[in-house]
Amino acid sequence: MTEILIRNATVITMDAANGAVPFEGDVLVEGTLIKAIGRGLVAAPDATVIEGAGKLVMPGLVNAHTHSSETFFRGRYEKMPLEVWLLYAYPLLMGPVIEPRLLYLRSLLLAMESLRNGVTMLSDCFFDPPAHELDRLGTVFRAYEDAGIRANVSSGVMNIHTLDALPYAREVMPAELQARLAFGPPITASAYIDYCLAAIGAFDGRAGRLKFMIAPSAPQRCTPDLLTACYELANDRNLPFHTHVLETITQAVTGPELYDKSLVRYLADLGVLGRNTTIAHSVWVDDEDMALMGAAGCSVAHNAIANQKLGAGVAPVRRLMDAGVTLALGTDGVSSNDTARIFDVMRVAALLHSATGPNYEQWLSAAEILQAATLGGARSALLEEVTGSLEPGKAADLVMLDLGAYPFTPLNDIAKHLVYCENGSSIELVMVNGETVMRDGRLTRVDEAAVLAEIRERVPAYLAQHAGIEELNAPFEPYFAEIHRRASLRHSGTYRYAGDAPAWPSNRAGR
């Protein structure tokens, strides 16, 4: 079996013994796994030897929450709360589904950017309305297989009408607009579970690094029987149960308005909080919510950049961690973040939570941020025994950086450099499952120039078509803005009816 020896490097393992403390040593890879870590390791005569002097070897980063569906909408929207932004990034009135080749390229582009920036594993909440089709899900899996990345991939589901998943929607939206939102019968719990079983059979375990995950979109968007069926299947197959909860102030109002309790309490009462549960966002949780999440062993995918761009708020990360919740980091989609770089999320998360209060002892340390970006992300994906740290017997998912590059010059504390200084520009090598997928600035599995050229050629026509879809959805914007406004006032205790929805300006591209 082929061996690779990285020798005389500075190593950060993120394991229980060493955490983010660097030491000088060697990393020996055999096949897909790390064989040994230490000093003076001896490899087989035919091993590939990589000189690590002046280099840093660390675990690959884990993107705990993203959406490949948004990859072509980079740089398209701004100044929109989630409920308004969804109208355009995930339109209610849709056109034809994206063609298979563009679907492949969209997923491949996300994988390429991720690998270039040290992300060796991602959890993709792929959403492909209006139907769930194995062939289209298979296209996403094929893109990740071809790129060489490790991934958990879902086919996100919802089966409650959009207007019934939002407070005030039925009362603020004119009947003629409501009538345009006739989506047909929703998918049933049994039909979705049948689909998931077929997806598991077809794709779970593919290439030794790709898995299917169960992803009901959000509690208010899914019927109770769908949520419980998804959770039971996730537990039965040891798969993540990945959902969005309490991202925005509107969702903070949604639980009390629709269920007379918070959305976290609603999930707890349904019995779907557990070790398999990963909650994306968790911004508007209270102490009781956090206690329930911690007691259940949940994980939170903290999307520090996307939460700010969409004005969602600042998650109470320290209190979540103190409650026993596992912290992971996610970019969210490339439309609500505009990059796939976890290094960016690390920096923003560290800085953001230093501004949450004067008690600086509660601020997040660089070591805690690194933990969230590696082993915390792996744990949220149920892969902590596979990846997230450098340990013998675990997958060889690692990144090598140049310690002589600008972000490390002059060198002080490596963990702090990684969190506050690095942006991915110092990366020289990326390995996934023992395979070198990026070396010396070149992706080894993909003709990067050809892919980017094809995207530049094909995507403008798709975006022009999408602009027409945006125009179809624009009449709904004032009413979704009013829902956001009412929820904000309701949550602050100052709600009062203000008449017709205001004609607030749009911030879509081209307007």
Protein backbone atom coordinates (compact mmCIF):
# COMPACT_ATOMS: atom_id res chain seq x y z
CA MET A 1 0.00 0.00 0.00
CA THR A 2 1.38 3.41 -0.98
CA GLU A 3 2.89 5.51 1.80
CA ILE A 4 3.41 9.27 2.00
CA LEU A 5 5.74 10.72 4.63
CA ILE A 6 5.58 14.41 5.50
CA ARG A 7 8.71 14.93 7.62
CA ASN A 8 10.11 17.64 9.86
CA ALA A 9 6.90 19.70 9.76
CA THR A 10 5.16 21.78 12.39
CA VAL A 11 2.04 19.80 13.25
CA ILE A 12 -1.28 20.71 14.84
CA THR A 13 -3.37 17.59 15.45
CA MET A 14 -6.53 18.90 17.21
CA ASP A 15 -6.68 15.58 19.06
CA ALA A 16 -7.46 15.24 22.77
CA ALA A 17 -3.81 15.13 23.76
CA ASN A 18 -2.43 18.10 21.83
CA GLY A 19 -5.39 20.21 20.66
CA ALA A 20 -4.18 23.34 18.86
CA VAL A 21 -0.67 23.22 20.38
CA PRO A 22 1.92 22.84 17.61
CA PHE A 23 4.90 20.48 17.76
CA GLU A 24 7.66 19.41 15.39
CA GLY A 25 7.23 15.99 13.84
CA ASP A 26 6.34 13.74 10.94
CA VAL A 27 3.04 12.47 9.55
CA LEU A 28 2.98 9.07 7.85
CA VAL A 29 0.06 8.24 5.58
CA GLU A 30 -0.65 4.73 4.33
CA GLY A 31 -3.38 4.36 1.75
CA THR A 32 -6.36 6.39 2.91
CA LEU A 33 -5.37 6.56 6.58
CA ILE A 34 -2.89 8.21 8.90
CA LYS A 35 -0.51 5.46 9.96
CA ALA A 36 1.62 7.34 12.49
CA ILE A 37 2.48 10.78 13.86
CA GLY A 38 5.75 11.41 15.67
CA ARG A 39 9.44 12.17 15.29
CA GLY A 40 11.88 10.31 13.07
CA LEU A 41 9.25 8.12 11.43
CA VAL A 42 10.52 5.60 8.88
CA ALA A 43 8.58 4.96 5.69
CA ALA A 44 8.77 2.20 3.12
CA PRO A 45 11.59 2.54 0.54
CA ASP A 46 9.12 3.43 -2.21
CA ALA A 47 7.23 6.00 -0.12
CA THR A 48 6.67 9.53 -1.37
CA VAL A 49 8.55 11.91 0.93
CA ILE A 50 7.42 15.51 1.34
CA GLU A 51 9.77 17.88 3.10
CA GLY A 52 7.83 19.66 5.81
CA ALA A 53 10.47 22.03 7.18
CA GLY A 54 8.97 25.51 7.37
CA LYS A 55 5.49 24.07 6.76
CA LEU A 56 2.44 23.59 8.97
CA VAL A 57 0.38 20.40 8.76
CA MET A 58 -3.11 20.53 10.27
CA PRO A 59 -6.47 18.75 9.88
CA GLY A 60 -8.56 19.71 6.91
CA LEU A 61 -11.30 22.20 7.72
CA VAL A 62 -14.94 21.12 7.93
CA ASN A 63 -17.72 23.26 6.50
CA ALA A 64 -20.62 22.14 8.69
CA HIS A 65 -23.38 23.87 6.71
CA THR A 66 -23.63 25.04 3.13
CA HIS A 67 -26.01 24.99 0.16
CA SER A 68 -24.60 24.14 -3.26
CA SER A 69 -27.89 25.37 -4.74
CA GLU A 70 -26.70 28.98 -4.27
CA THR A 71 -23.27 28.78 -5.85
CA PHE A 72 -24.13 30.75 -8.99
CA PHE A 73 -25.69 33.61 -6.97
CA ARG A 74 -22.42 34.86 -5.51
CA GLY A 75 -22.42 38.66 -5.24
CA ARG A 76 -26.04 38.99 -6.39
CA TYR A 77 -27.98 40.20 -3.33
CA GLU A 78 -27.51 42.49 -0.35
CA LYS A 79 -29.51 44.40 2.27
CA MET A 80 -32.19 41.71 2.52
CA PRO A 81 -33.39 39.82 5.58
CA LEU A 82 -33.73 36.08 5.09
CA GLU A 83 -37.48 36.11 4.43
CA VAL A 84 -37.04 38.59 1.56
CA TRP A 85 -33.82 37.05 0.23
CA LEU A 86 -35.46 33.63 -0.01
CA LEU A 87 -37.90 35.04 -2.58
CA TYR A 88 -35.04 35.45 -5.03
CA ALA A 89 -32.46 32.83 -4.08
CA TYR A 90 -35.16 30.15 -3.60
CA PRO A 91 -38.09 31.67 -5.51
CA LEU A 92 -41.67 30.77 -4.76
CA LEU A 93 -42.58 31.02 -8.44
CA MET A 94 -39.97 28.92 -10.19
CA GLY A 95 -38.91 28.40 -13.76
CA PRO A 96 -37.45 25.22 -15.19
CA VAL A 97 -35.02 23.40 -12.92
CA ILE A 98 -31.37 24.01 -13.65
CA GLU A 99 -30.11 21.76 -16.44
CA PRO A 100 -28.01 18.71 -15.47
CA ARG A 101 -24.68 20.05 -16.78
CA LEU A 102 -25.07 23.32 -14.87
CA LEU A 103 -26.17 21.38 -11.80
CA TYR A 104 -22.93 19.42 -12.04
CA LEU A 105 -20.79 22.52 -12.61
CA ARG A 106 -22.49 24.36 -9.75
CA SER A 107 -21.64 21.59 -7.31
CA LEU A 108 -18.15 21.14 -8.74
CA LEU A 109 -17.40 24.86 -8.37
CA LEU A 110 -18.29 24.72 -4.68
CA ALA A 111 -16.05 21.68 -4.18
CA MET A 112 -13.17 23.29 -6.07
CA GLU A 113 -13.29 26.52 -4.10
CA SER A 114 -13.61 24.58 -0.86
CA LEU A 115 -10.57 22.40 -1.52
CA ARG A 116 -8.46 25.35 -2.65
CA ASN A 117 -9.15 26.96 0.70
CA GLY A 118 -8.44 23.97 2.92
CA VAL A 119 -11.97 22.59 3.35
CA THR A 120 -11.71 18.83 3.04
CA MET A 121 -15.26 18.02 4.19
CA LEU A 122 -18.59 19.80 3.73
CA SER A 123 -22.22 19.21 4.65
CA ASP A 124 -24.35 20.26 1.68
CA CYS A 125 -28.03 20.94 2.29
CA PHE A 126 -28.77 20.50 -1.39
CA PHE A 127 -32.24 21.77 -2.24
CA ASP A 128 -33.70 21.10 -5.67
CA PRO A 129 -37.40 21.95 -5.86
CA PRO A 130 -39.99 21.05 -6.82
CA ALA A 131 -39.31 17.29 -6.89
CA HIS A 132 -36.83 14.89 -5.35
CA GLU A 133 -35.11 13.00 -8.16
CA LEU A 134 -32.36 10.44 -7.62
CA ASP A 135 -30.70 11.29 -10.93
CA ARG A 136 -30.29 14.94 -9.96
CA LEU A 137 -29.05 14.10 -6.48
CA GLY A 138 -26.65 11.67 -8.13
CA THR A 139 -25.28 14.52 -10.24
CA VAL A 140 -24.28 16.36 -7.06
CA PHE A 141 -22.65 13.24 -5.64
CA ARG A 142 -20.77 12.74 -8.91
CA ALA A 143 -19.38 16.29 -8.79
CA TYR A 144 -18.06 15.75 -5.28
CA GLU A 145 -16.68 12.35 -6.21
CA ASP A 146 -14.85 13.84 -9.20
CA ALA A 147 -13.42 16.76 -7.20
CA GLY A 148 -12.10 14.48 -4.45
CA ILE A 149 -13.79 16.15 -1.48
CA ARG A 150 -15.47 14.45 1.48
CA ALA A 151 -19.16 15.40 1.78
CA ASN A 152 -22.47 14.72 3.43
CA VAL A 153 -25.24 15.54 0.96
CA SER A 154 -28.95 15.87 1.58
CA SER A 155 -32.03 16.41 -0.49
CA GLY A 156 -33.69 19.02 1.71
CA VAL A 157 -37.43 18.65 2.17
CA MET A 158 -40.42 20.71 3.26
CA ASN A 159 -44.12 19.88 3.04
CA ILE A 160 -45.91 22.83 4.66
CA HIS A 161 -46.99 25.72 2.46
CA THR A 162 -44.66 28.71 2.73
CA LEU A 163 -47.46 31.00 3.88
CA ASP A 164 -48.43 28.56 6.62
CA ALA A 165 -44.86 28.43 7.90
CA LEU A 166 -44.69 32.17 8.57
CA PRO A 167 -46.54 34.32 11.08
CA TYR A 168 -48.87 36.99 9.65
CA ALA A 169 -48.42 35.76 6.07
CA ARG A 170 -52.05 34.92 5.38
CA GLU A 171 -53.28 38.20 6.82
CA VAL A 172 -50.84 40.56 5.10
CA MET A 173 -50.73 39.04 1.62
CA PRO A 174 -53.55 39.87 -0.82
CA ALA A 175 -55.74 36.97 -1.86
CA GLU A 176 -54.81 37.31 -5.52
CA LEU A 177 -51.14 36.83 -4.70
CA GLN A 178 -51.90 33.92 -2.40
CA ALA A 179 -53.79 32.28 -5.22
CA ARG A 180 -50.64 32.33 -7.37
CA LEU A 181 -48.91 30.09 -4.84
CA ALA A 182 -50.73 26.87 -5.67
CA PHE A 183 -47.95 24.31 -5.37
CA GLY A 184 -50.00 21.15 -5.62
CA PRO A 185 -50.07 18.35 -3.05
CA PRO A 186 -47.02 18.30 -0.75
CA ILE A 187 -44.78 15.29 -0.42
CA THR A 188 -45.88 12.86 2.28
CA ALA A 189 -43.65 11.58 5.04
CA SER A 190 -43.77 8.03 3.69
CA ALA A 191 -42.90 9.15 0.16
CA TYR A 192 -39.91 11.14 1.37
CA ILE A 193 -38.65 8.28 3.52
CA ASP A 194 -38.93 5.95 0.53
CA TYR A 195 -36.86 8.46 -1.46
CA CYS A 196 -34.26 8.67 1.32
CA LEU A 197 -33.96 4.90 1.47
CA ALA A 198 -33.37 4.80 -2.27
CA ALA A 199 -30.77 7.60 -1.96
CA ILE A 200 -28.99 5.78 0.85
CA GLY A 201 -28.86 2.62 -1.23
CA ALA A 202 -27.58 4.47 -4.28
CA PHE A 203 -25.10 6.95 -2.83
CA ASP A 204 -24.27 6.46 0.86
CA GLY A 205 -20.63 5.43 1.21
CA ARG A 206 -19.76 6.30 -2.38
CA ALA A 207 -16.03 6.65 -3.04
CA GLY A 208 -15.42 5.93 0.64
CA ARG A 209 -16.01 9.58 1.54
CA LEU A 210 -19.54 10.58 0.49
CA LYS A 211 -22.65 10.10 2.63
CA PHE A 212 -26.33 10.94 2.47
CA MET A 213 -27.84 12.98 5.30
CA ILE A 214 -31.44 13.57 6.33
CA ALA A 215 -32.38 17.23 6.10
CA PRO A 216 -35.91 18.42 6.87
CA SER A 217 -35.68 22.12 6.07
CA ALA A 218 -37.03 23.53 9.35
CA PRO A 219 -39.62 22.52 11.97
CA GLN A 220 -42.16 25.10 10.81
CA ARG A 221 -41.81 23.93 7.21
CA CYS A 222 -42.35 20.20 7.87
CA THR A 223 -45.29 18.30 9.29
CA PRO A 224 -44.76 16.50 12.62
CA ASP A 225 -44.96 13.06 11.00
CA LEU A 226 -42.29 14.06 8.47
CA LEU A 227 -39.97 15.35 11.23
CA THR A 228 -40.34 12.24 13.36
CA ALA A 229 -39.98 9.88 10.40
CA CYS A 230 -36.80 11.67 9.32
CA TYR A 231 -35.37 11.48 12.83
CA GLU A 232 -36.16 7.79 13.18
CA LEU A 233 -34.47 7.03 9.86
CA ALA A 234 -31.43 9.13 10.78
CA ASN A 235 -31.03 7.25 14.05
CA ASP A 236 -31.64 3.87 12.45
CA ARG A 237 -28.97 4.46 9.78
CA ASN A 238 -26.61 6.58 11.93
CA LEU A 239 -26.98 9.58 9.67
CA PRO A 240 -27.13 13.28 10.56
CA PHE A 241 -30.53 14.90 11.10
CA HIS A 242 -29.73 18.40 9.82
CA THR A 243 -32.20 21.28 10.02
CA HIS A 244 -32.51 25.08 10.25
CA VAL A 245 -33.81 26.45 13.55
CA LEU A 246 -34.24 29.98 14.92
CA GLU A 247 -32.17 31.75 12.30
CA THR A 248 -34.08 35.04 12.26
CA ILE A 249 -36.22 37.24 14.46
CA THR A 250 -39.21 36.17 12.37
CA GLN A 251 -38.54 32.56 13.35
CA ALA A 252 -38.28 33.64 16.99
CA VAL A 253 -41.90 34.75 16.67
CA THR A 254 -42.94 31.77 14.53
CA GLY A 255 -42.78 29.23 17.35
CA PRO A 256 -44.96 31.16 19.83
CA GLU A 257 -47.38 32.22 17.10
CA LEU A 258 -47.83 28.78 15.48
CA TYR A 259 -47.09 26.32 18.30
CA ASP A 260 -47.32 28.39 21.49
CA LYS A 261 -43.69 27.50 22.27
CA SER A 262 -40.23 28.05 20.86
CA LEU A 263 -39.21 26.01 17.85
CA VAL A 264 -36.56 24.21 19.93
CA ARG A 265 -39.16 23.23 22.53
CA TYR A 266 -41.41 22.11 19.69
CA LEU A 267 -38.64 19.82 18.40
CA ALA A 268 -37.95 18.54 21.91
CA ASP A 269 -41.63 17.72 22.42
CA LEU A 270 -41.60 15.79 19.14
CA GLY A 271 -38.59 13.83 20.39
CA VAL A 272 -36.27 14.82 17.55
CA LEU A 273 -33.43 16.41 19.51
CA GLY A 274 -30.50 14.05 19.93
CA ARG A 275 -26.90 13.26 19.16
CA ASN A 276 -27.69 13.07 15.44
CA THR A 277 -29.31 16.51 15.41
CA THR A 278 -27.41 19.42 13.88
CA ILE A 279 -29.11 22.78 14.10
CA ALA A 280 -28.01 25.39 11.61
CA HIS A 281 -27.91 28.95 12.97
CA SER A 282 -29.47 28.83 16.46
CA VAL A 283 -29.40 32.63 16.75
CA TRP A 284 -32.63 33.33 18.64
CA VAL A 285 -32.44 30.58 21.27
CA ASP A 286 -33.04 31.22 24.96
CA ASP A 287 -31.61 29.53 28.05
CA GLU A 288 -34.28 26.82 28.13
CA ASP A 289 -33.70 26.05 24.45
CA MET A 290 -29.96 25.77 25.01
CA ALA A 291 -30.39 23.52 28.03
CA LEU A 292 -32.55 21.17 25.97
CA MET A 293 -30.05 21.15 23.11
CA GLY A 294 -27.10 20.51 25.39
CA ALA A 295 -28.83 17.72 27.30
CA ALA A 296 -29.70 16.05 24.00
CA GLY A 297 -26.12 16.27 22.69
CA CYS A 298 -27.00 18.45 19.69
CA SER A 299 -24.56 20.30 17.47
CA VAL A 300 -24.91 23.84 16.13
CA ALA A 301 -23.53 24.91 12.76
CA HIS A 302 -22.60 28.54 13.41
CA ASN A 303 -22.75 30.63 10.23
CA ALA A 304 -21.13 33.81 11.50
CA ILE A 305 -20.83 35.59 8.14
CA ALA A 306 -24.17 34.63 6.60
CA ASN A 307 -26.00 35.56 9.79
CA GLN A 308 -24.57 39.07 9.51
CA LYS A 309 -25.18 39.50 5.80
CA LEU A 310 -28.85 38.55 6.20
CA GLY A 311 -29.18 40.58 9.39
CA ALA A 312 -30.17 37.50 11.36
CA GLY A 313 -28.25 38.39 14.50
CA VAL A 314 -25.45 36.96 16.63
CA ALA A 315 -25.76 33.44 17.98
CA PRO A 316 -25.04 33.10 21.73
CA VAL A 317 -22.11 30.81 21.06
CA ARG A 318 -20.45 30.89 24.47
CA ARG A 319 -23.74 30.11 26.21
CA LEU A 320 -24.42 27.30 23.75
CA MET A 321 -21.01 25.79 24.46
CA ASP A 322 -21.49 26.19 28.21
CA ALA A 323 -24.80 24.33 27.86
CA GLY A 324 -22.98 21.35 26.31
CA VAL A 325 -23.78 22.01 22.64
CA THR A 326 -21.07 21.06 20.12
CA LEU A 327 -19.98 24.08 18.08
CA ALA A 328 -19.23 23.72 14.37
CA LEU A 329 -18.67 26.39 11.72
CA GLY A 330 -20.44 26.77 8.39
CA THR A 331 -20.26 29.19 5.51
CA ASP A 332 -23.94 28.76 4.62
CA GLY A 333 -24.55 29.11 0.88
CA VAL A 334 -22.36 31.17 -1.42
CA SER A 335 -25.24 33.61 -1.94
CA SER A 336 -25.74 34.40 1.75
CA ASN A 337 -21.99 34.48 2.41
CA ASP A 338 -20.38 34.95 -1.00
CA THR A 339 -17.40 32.67 -0.36
CA ALA A 340 -16.83 29.05 0.60
CA ARG A 341 -13.85 29.90 2.82
CA ILE A 342 -14.02 28.60 6.37
CA PHE A 343 -10.92 30.67 7.15
CA ASP A 344 -13.12 33.75 6.66
CA VAL A 345 -15.76 32.33 8.99
CA MET A 346 -13.12 31.59 11.63
CA ARG A 347 -11.88 35.18 11.62
CA VAL A 348 -15.36 36.72 11.69
CA ALA A 349 -16.57 34.38 14.43
CA ALA A 350 -13.57 35.22 16.61
CA LEU A 351 -13.96 38.96 16.12
CA LEU A 352 -17.75 39.01 16.33
CA HIS A 353 -17.91 37.26 19.67
CA SER A 354 -15.30 39.61 21.09
CA ALA A 355 -17.88 42.35 20.61
CA THR A 356 -20.77 40.67 22.41
CA GLY A 357 -19.99 42.00 25.87
CA PRO A 358 -17.35 43.44 28.17
CA ASN A 359 -16.53 40.15 29.92
CA TYR A 360 -13.51 39.30 27.82
CA GLU A 361 -12.99 36.01 29.65
CA GLN A 362 -16.08 34.79 27.76
CA TRP A 363 -14.75 35.68 24.33
CA LEU A 364 -13.81 32.79 22.04
CA SER A 365 -10.15 31.80 21.86
CA ALA A 366 -8.30 30.87 18.69
CA ALA A 367 -8.05 27.29 19.97
CA GLU A 368 -11.84 27.10 20.41
CA ILE A 369 -12.40 28.48 16.91
CA LEU A 370 -10.01 25.90 15.45
CA GLN A 371 -11.79 23.16 17.39
CA ALA A 372 -15.13 24.25 15.90
CA ALA A 373 -13.65 24.39 12.38
CA THR A 374 -12.23 20.87 12.57
CA LEU A 375 -13.32 18.30 15.13
CA GLY A 376 -16.53 20.17 16.03
CA GLY A 377 -17.57 20.14 12.38
CA ALA A 378 -16.71 16.47 12.08
CA ARG A 379 -18.78 15.67 15.16
CA SER A 380 -21.76 17.57 13.75
CA ALA A 381 -21.50 15.35 10.65
CA LEU A 382 -21.18 12.16 12.76
CA LEU A 383 -17.65 11.77 11.39
CA GLU A 384 -15.52 12.49 14.46
CA GLU A 385 -14.11 8.95 14.30
CA VAL A 386 -13.15 9.51 10.67
CA THR A 387 -11.89 13.08 10.26
CA GLY A 388 -11.49 16.40 12.07
CA SER A 389 -8.17 15.61 13.77
CA LEU A 390 -4.84 14.05 12.85
CA GLU A 391 -4.66 10.70 14.63
CA PRO A 392 -3.42 7.24 13.62
CA GLY A 393 -6.28 5.23 12.17
CA LYS A 394 -8.27 8.27 11.03
CA ALA A 395 -8.63 9.38 7.44
CA ALA A 396 -5.72 11.34 6.01
CA ASP A 397 -7.65 14.59 5.54
CA LEU A 398 -5.04 17.30 5.99
CA VAL A 399 -3.75 20.66 4.84
CA MET A 400 -0.16 21.87 4.56
CA LEU A 401 0.58 25.61 4.72
CA ASP A 402 3.72 27.66 4.15
CA LEU A 403 4.88 29.21 7.43
CA GLY A 404 7.08 31.59 5.44
CA ALA A 405 4.08 33.25 3.79
CA TYR A 406 2.80 36.72 4.69
CA PRO A 407 0.07 35.56 7.12
CA PHE A 408 2.74 33.93 9.33
CA THR A 409 5.44 36.61 9.07
CA PRO A 410 6.72 37.33 11.65
CA LEU A 411 5.66 34.15 13.45
CA ASN A 412 4.14 34.46 16.92
CA ASP A 413 1.32 32.08 17.92
CA ILE A 414 0.33 29.68 15.12
CA ALA A 415 -3.26 29.15 16.30
CA LYS A 416 -3.85 32.89 16.37
CA HIS A 417 -2.24 33.30 12.95
CA LEU A 418 -4.63 30.67 11.55
CA VAL A 419 -7.70 32.38 12.96
CA TYR A 420 -6.86 36.07 12.59
CA CYS A 421 -4.31 36.21 9.74
CA GLU A 422 -4.73 33.30 7.33
CA ASN A 423 -7.20 33.36 4.44
CA GLY A 424 -6.20 30.23 2.57
CA SER A 425 -3.46 31.91 0.54
CA SER A 426 -0.68 30.01 2.33
CA ILE A 427 -2.03 26.55 1.46
CA GLU A 428 0.37 24.41 -0.56
CA LEU A 429 -1.15 20.94 -0.26
CA VAL A 430 -4.56 19.47 0.48
CA MET A 431 -5.12 15.77 1.06
CA VAL A 432 -8.46 13.97 1.34
CA ASN A 433 -8.64 10.29 2.25
CA GLY A 434 -4.93 9.95 1.60
CA GLU A 435 -5.09 11.43 -1.90
CA THR A 436 -3.38 14.72 -2.73
CA VAL A 437 -6.15 16.73 -4.35
CA MET A 438 -4.34 20.09 -4.40
CA ARG A 439 -0.58 20.66 -4.66
CA ASP A 440 1.43 23.76 -5.46
CA GLY A 441 -1.64 25.78 -6.38
CA ARG A 442 -3.13 23.14 -8.71
CA LEU A 443 -6.15 20.92 -8.22
CA THR A 444 -5.07 17.43 -9.25
CA ARG A 445 -8.42 15.87 -10.18
CA VAL A 446 -10.04 18.73 -12.08
CA ASP A 447 -9.05 20.82 -15.10
CA GLU A 448 -9.71 24.02 -13.23
CA ALA A 449 -9.23 26.41 -16.14
CA ALA A 450 -11.59 24.42 -18.35
CA VAL A 451 -14.29 24.25 -15.68
CA LEU A 452 -14.10 27.98 -14.97
CA ALA A 453 -14.18 28.77 -18.68
CA GLU A 454 -17.26 26.62 -19.19
CA ILE A 455 -18.99 28.29 -16.25
CA ARG A 456 -18.22 31.74 -17.66
CA GLU A 457 -19.64 30.64 -21.01
CA ARG A 458 -22.79 28.90 -19.80
CA VAL A 459 -23.93 30.65 -16.65
CA PRO A 460 -24.76 34.17 -18.00
CA ALA A 461 -27.73 32.74 -19.92
CA TYR A 462 -28.90 30.93 -16.81
CA LEU A 463 -28.62 34.10 -14.73
CA ALA A 464 -30.53 36.05 -17.37
CA GLN A 465 -33.30 33.47 -17.10
CA HIS A 466 -33.14 33.73 -13.31
CA ALA A 467 -33.57 37.51 -13.56
CA GLY A 468 -36.94 36.86 -15.16
CA ILE A 469 -37.86 34.56 -12.27
CA GLU A 470 -36.87 37.32 -9.86
CA GLU A 471 -39.27 39.68 -11.62
CA LEU A 472 -42.08 37.13 -11.21
CA ASN A 473 -41.44 37.03 -7.48
CA ALA A 474 -40.90 40.77 -6.95
CA PRO A 475 -44.60 41.51 -6.24
CA PHE A 476 -44.34 39.37 -3.09
CA GLU A 477 -41.43 41.33 -1.65
CA PRO A 478 -43.37 44.11 0.15
CA TYR A 479 -45.46 41.55 1.99
CA PHE A 480 -42.51 39.44 3.09
CA ALA A 481 -40.85 42.66 4.21
CA GLU A 482 -43.98 43.41 6.23
CA ILE A 483 -43.85 39.96 7.85
CA HIS A 484 -40.27 40.70 8.87
CA ARG A 485 -41.27 44.13 10.19
CA ARG A 486 -44.20 42.82 12.20
CA ALA A 487 -42.14 39.98 13.66
CA SER A 488 -39.45 42.44 14.70
CA LEU A 489 -41.98 44.66 16.43
CA ARG A 490 -43.75 41.69 17.98
CA HIS A 491 -40.52 40.31 19.39
CA SER A 492 -39.59 43.69 20.84
CA GLY A 493 -43.06 44.04 22.35
CA THR A 494 -43.97 47.10 20.30
CA TYR A 495 -46.03 45.52 17.53
CA ARG A 496 -48.88 47.53 16.14
CA TYR A 497 -50.60 47.30 12.80
CA ALA A 498 -49.30 49.90 10.37
CA GLY A 499 -51.68 49.52 7.45
CA ASP A 500 -50.73 48.25 4.01
CA ALA A 501 -47.31 46.76 3.44
CA PRO A 502 -44.76 49.44 2.51
CA ALA A 503 -43.20 49.45 -0.94
CA TRP A 504 -39.68 48.96 0.36
CA PRO A 505 -36.94 49.10 -2.28
CA SER A 506 -35.41 45.98 -3.72
CA ASN A 507 -31.68 45.26 -3.55
CA ARG A 508 -31.55 42.62 -6.23
CA ALA A 509 -28.83 42.71 -8.86
CA GLY A 510 -29.70 45.06 -11.68
CA ARG A 511 -32.33 47.07 -9.83
